[in-house]
Amino acid sequence: MIQHYVFDAYGTLFDVHSAASRYKDQIGPNWERMSQLWRTKHLEYTWIHAQTGRHTSFRTLAERSLDYASTIIGGVPAATRVNLMQAYETLSAYPEVPAVLAALKKKGATVAILTNGDPDMIGAAVTSAGLDGMFDAVITVHEVGVFKPNMRVYKLMTDRFGVAPSDVSFQSSNRWDAAGAQVFGCRTVWVNRTGAPDEYPDMPAHHILSDLKPLAELAA
């Protein structure tokens, strides 16, 4: 029985589009496009930096990707940019998250985060979402100086808990992230919130969920 549940943070526990949603009136009618571009470019930047060995902060890449995305839609006011970056540090958790984490804890499971985010960024997100005290560990890539899906990142989980990869259930809304954890040897749950097609059939997730609600039942 799996006793260690590790969650990706951005897009899995926290809604990455909630920042732009808060300021959609200031951004204008293309706010959803800008938010999607912001997210897509942010991920792309992490992959490029991981592959080239040029590690930098997650916040720096968030700023660069926001500037790219806002330029594509014609720009946003300087004050809006400031607001968006502040909002990114206090993203909203998905509605089911607190109850799911509480249910896993009630079952005696170890609950943790493994994230590309900077330690202070993820700390702010956890606090603003009212999730303080819910996690047994918050693990960030700064410990190894490379972004996911580098295998050294997933190894942080097993090193932290002193277990084999197969003893960990890793949950991510990012299909590539679930694929990375699956290759490492974890049990994986792809949280497919958007109904996207499976991009990596040769690295299958063990479970595919539309949100995190059924996770506590899978842990029974």
Protein backbone atom coordinates (compact mmCIF):
# COMPACT_ATOMS: atom_id res chain seq x y z
CA MET A 1 0.00 0.00 0.00
CA ILE A 2 1.36 3.41 -0.99
CA GLN A 3 2.05 5.64 2.00
CA HIS A 4 3.92 8.53 0.35
CA TYR A 5 1.99 11.00 -1.80
CA VAL A 6 4.00 13.71 -3.53
CA PHE A 7 2.38 16.50 -5.52
CA ASP A 8 3.62 18.82 -8.19
CA ALA A 9 2.55 22.32 -7.17
CA TYR A 10 1.88 24.62 -10.11
CA GLY A 11 -1.10 23.43 -12.12
CA THR A 12 -1.69 20.46 -9.83
CA LEU A 13 -2.39 22.00 -6.43
CA PHE A 14 -2.42 25.65 -7.50
CA ASP A 15 -4.30 27.15 -10.43
CA VAL A 16 -1.63 28.89 -12.53
CA HIS A 17 -4.32 30.80 -14.42
CA SER A 18 -5.83 32.34 -11.29
CA ALA A 19 -3.28 35.17 -11.40
CA ALA A 20 -4.38 36.43 -14.81
CA SER A 21 -8.01 35.80 -13.94
CA ARG A 22 -7.78 38.24 -11.03
CA TYR A 23 -6.61 41.00 -13.38
CA LYS A 24 -8.46 40.08 -16.55
CA ASP A 25 -10.12 43.49 -16.75
CA GLN A 26 -6.72 45.19 -16.73
CA ILE A 27 -5.27 42.73 -19.26
CA GLY A 28 -8.20 42.93 -21.65
CA PRO A 29 -10.10 40.44 -23.82
CA ASN A 30 -7.00 38.39 -24.59
CA TRP A 31 -6.29 37.60 -20.94
CA GLU A 32 -6.87 33.86 -21.36
CA ARG A 33 -4.53 33.68 -24.33
CA MET A 34 -1.91 35.64 -22.43
CA SER A 35 -2.24 33.37 -19.40
CA GLN A 36 -1.82 30.24 -21.51
CA LEU A 37 1.20 31.69 -23.30
CA TRP A 38 2.67 32.70 -19.96
CA ARG A 39 2.37 29.16 -18.66
CA THR A 40 3.59 27.49 -21.85
CA LYS A 41 6.63 29.73 -22.20
CA HIS A 42 7.48 29.40 -18.50
CA LEU A 43 7.64 25.62 -18.83
CA GLU A 44 9.66 25.87 -22.03
CA TYR A 45 12.19 28.09 -20.29
CA THR A 46 12.64 25.56 -17.47
CA TRP A 47 13.30 22.77 -19.97
CA ILE A 48 15.85 24.81 -21.92
CA HIS A 49 17.67 25.84 -18.75
CA ALA A 50 17.67 22.25 -17.50
CA GLN A 51 19.08 20.90 -20.74
CA THR A 52 21.75 23.58 -21.07
CA GLY A 53 22.88 23.45 -17.45
CA ARG A 54 22.04 27.12 -16.91
CA HIS A 55 19.93 26.96 -13.78
CA THR A 56 18.20 30.11 -12.60
CA SER A 57 15.30 30.97 -10.33
CA PHE A 58 11.75 29.97 -11.12
CA ARG A 59 10.70 33.56 -10.40
CA THR A 60 13.10 34.94 -13.00
CA LEU A 61 11.64 32.63 -15.64
CA ALA A 62 8.12 33.57 -14.57
CA GLU A 63 8.97 37.23 -15.18
CA ARG A 64 10.56 36.55 -18.55
CA SER A 65 7.68 34.41 -19.73
CA LEU A 66 5.14 36.99 -18.55
CA ASP A 67 6.96 39.66 -20.55
CA TYR A 68 6.91 37.41 -23.62
CA ALA A 69 3.22 36.59 -23.28
CA SER A 70 2.14 40.16 -22.63
CA THR A 71 4.14 41.40 -25.63
CA ILE A 72 2.33 38.88 -27.87
CA ILE A 73 -1.06 40.36 -26.95
CA GLY A 74 0.13 43.95 -27.31
CA GLY A 75 1.44 44.65 -23.83
CA VAL A 76 -0.01 45.33 -20.38
CA PRO A 77 0.41 48.37 -18.11
CA ALA A 78 3.47 48.34 -15.85
CA ALA A 79 1.25 48.29 -12.76
CA THR A 80 -0.60 45.26 -14.10
CA ARG A 81 2.69 43.43 -14.60
CA VAL A 82 3.54 44.08 -10.96
CA ASN A 83 0.11 42.88 -9.87
CA LEU A 84 0.40 39.72 -11.96
CA MET A 85 3.75 38.75 -10.48
CA GLN A 86 2.43 39.36 -6.98
CA ALA A 87 -0.63 37.27 -7.79
CA TYR A 88 1.57 34.46 -9.10
CA GLU A 89 3.06 34.17 -5.63
CA THR A 90 -0.40 33.79 -4.07
CA LEU A 91 -2.12 31.51 -6.56
CA SER A 92 -5.46 29.98 -5.64
CA ALA A 93 -5.55 26.29 -4.77
CA TYR A 94 -8.03 24.14 -6.67
CA PRO A 95 -11.22 23.73 -4.64
CA GLU A 96 -10.77 20.04 -3.82
CA VAL A 97 -7.17 20.33 -2.62
CA PRO A 98 -7.66 20.93 1.14
CA ALA A 99 -10.12 18.05 1.54
CA VAL A 100 -7.97 15.63 -0.46
CA LEU A 101 -4.85 16.43 1.53
CA ALA A 102 -6.77 16.13 4.79
CA ALA A 103 -8.18 12.74 3.75
CA LEU A 104 -4.72 11.41 2.89
CA LYS A 105 -3.33 12.66 6.18
CA LYS A 106 -6.21 11.01 8.02
CA LYS A 107 -5.23 7.71 6.41
CA GLY A 108 -1.73 8.14 7.82
CA ALA A 109 -0.07 8.97 4.51
CA THR A 110 2.98 11.16 4.12
CA VAL A 111 2.08 14.19 1.98
CA ALA A 112 4.67 16.34 0.23
CA ILE A 113 5.31 18.77 -2.60
CA LEU A 114 8.01 18.44 -5.26
CA THR A 115 8.23 21.63 -7.26
CA ASN A 116 10.26 23.69 -9.69
CA GLY A 117 9.28 26.72 -7.63
CA ASP A 118 11.68 28.74 -5.50
CA PRO A 119 11.44 27.94 -1.77
CA ASP A 120 10.01 31.35 -0.86
CA MET A 121 7.54 31.27 -3.74
CA ILE A 122 6.10 27.90 -2.84
CA GLY A 123 6.05 28.87 0.82
CA ALA A 124 3.97 31.94 -0.01
CA ALA A 125 1.60 29.88 -2.17
CA VAL A 126 1.06 27.29 0.56
CA THR A 127 0.38 29.97 3.17
CA SER A 128 -1.93 32.07 1.00
CA ALA A 129 -3.97 28.97 0.13
CA GLY A 130 -4.41 28.11 3.81
CA LEU A 131 -2.43 24.88 3.50
CA ASP A 132 0.16 25.49 6.20
CA GLY A 133 0.73 22.34 8.25
CA MET A 134 -0.64 20.02 5.57
CA PHE A 135 2.71 18.88 4.16
CA ASP A 136 5.33 16.67 5.71
CA ALA A 137 7.89 18.08 3.29
CA VAL A 138 8.13 20.78 0.64
CA ILE A 139 10.93 19.79 -1.71
CA THR A 140 12.24 22.22 -4.32
CA VAL A 141 14.64 21.80 -7.22
CA HIS A 142 17.08 24.31 -5.73
CA GLU A 143 18.51 21.34 -3.79
CA VAL A 144 19.97 19.91 -7.02
CA GLY A 145 20.11 23.01 -9.23
CA VAL A 146 18.14 21.66 -12.18
CA PHE A 147 14.48 21.68 -13.19
CA LYS A 148 12.19 18.72 -13.78
CA PRO A 149 12.08 16.29 -15.51
CA ASN A 150 15.73 15.66 -14.69
CA MET A 151 15.92 12.38 -12.77
CA ARG A 152 17.93 13.99 -9.97
CA VAL A 153 14.83 15.97 -9.06
CA TYR A 154 12.64 12.89 -8.58
CA LYS A 155 15.40 11.28 -6.57
CA LEU A 156 14.95 14.04 -4.01
CA MET A 157 11.66 12.39 -3.01
CA THR A 158 13.08 8.96 -2.38
CA ASP A 159 16.14 10.35 -0.62
CA ARG A 160 13.96 12.48 1.65
CA PHE A 161 11.78 9.56 2.76
CA GLY A 162 14.31 6.75 2.48
CA VAL A 163 12.07 4.67 0.21
CA ALA A 164 12.12 3.09 -3.23
CA PRO A 165 10.51 4.94 -6.17
CA SER A 166 7.72 2.34 -6.27
CA ASP A 167 6.74 3.40 -2.74
CA VAL A 168 5.82 6.90 -3.94
CA SER A 169 2.67 8.07 -5.70
CA PHE A 170 3.48 11.19 -7.68
CA GLN A 171 0.64 13.45 -8.82
CA SER A 172 1.00 16.04 -11.58
CA SER A 173 -1.25 17.86 -14.01
CA ASN A 174 1.71 18.11 -16.37
CA ARG A 175 1.83 15.01 -18.54
CA TRP A 176 5.57 15.38 -19.15
CA ASP A 177 6.13 15.56 -15.38
CA ALA A 178 4.13 12.40 -14.75
CA ALA A 179 6.13 10.74 -17.53
CA GLY A 180 9.38 11.75 -15.86
CA ALA A 181 8.30 10.32 -12.52
CA GLN A 182 7.08 7.14 -14.22
CA VAL A 183 10.48 6.64 -15.84
CA PHE A 184 12.07 7.16 -12.45
CA GLY A 185 9.90 4.32 -11.13
CA CYS A 186 7.12 6.02 -9.16
CA ARG A 187 3.45 5.22 -9.29
CA THR A 188 2.04 8.17 -11.20
CA VAL A 189 -1.27 9.99 -11.34
CA TRP A 190 -1.87 12.36 -14.23
CA VAL A 191 -4.40 15.00 -13.21
CA ASN A 192 -5.81 15.78 -16.64
CA ARG A 193 -7.94 18.79 -15.77
CA THR A 194 -8.39 19.91 -19.38
CA GLY A 195 -9.20 16.57 -21.04
CA ALA A 196 -5.99 16.71 -23.08
CA PRO A 197 -4.87 13.77 -25.24
CA ASP A 198 -2.11 11.55 -23.90
CA GLU A 199 1.21 12.71 -25.32
CA TYR A 200 3.38 9.91 -23.91
CA PRO A 201 1.71 6.52 -24.39
CA ASP A 202 5.06 4.77 -24.01
CA MET A 203 5.38 6.24 -20.49
CA PRO A 204 1.86 5.61 -19.21
CA ALA A 205 0.52 7.07 -15.99
CA HIS A 206 -0.91 4.51 -13.58
CA HIS A 207 -4.07 6.56 -13.13
CA ILE A 208 -5.67 9.44 -15.05
CA LEU A 209 -8.00 11.71 -13.07
CA SER A 210 -9.93 14.82 -14.08
CA ASP A 211 -9.17 16.33 -10.65
CA LEU A 212 -7.76 15.19 -7.34
CA LYS A 213 -11.02 14.18 -5.68
CA PRO A 214 -10.75 10.41 -6.29
CA LEU A 215 -7.20 10.22 -4.95
CA ALA A 216 -8.20 9.39 -1.37
CA GLU A 217 -10.26 6.44 -2.65
CA LEU A 218 -7.31 5.19 -4.69
CA ALA A 219 -5.29 5.31 -1.49
CA ALA A 220 -7.72 3.00 0.34
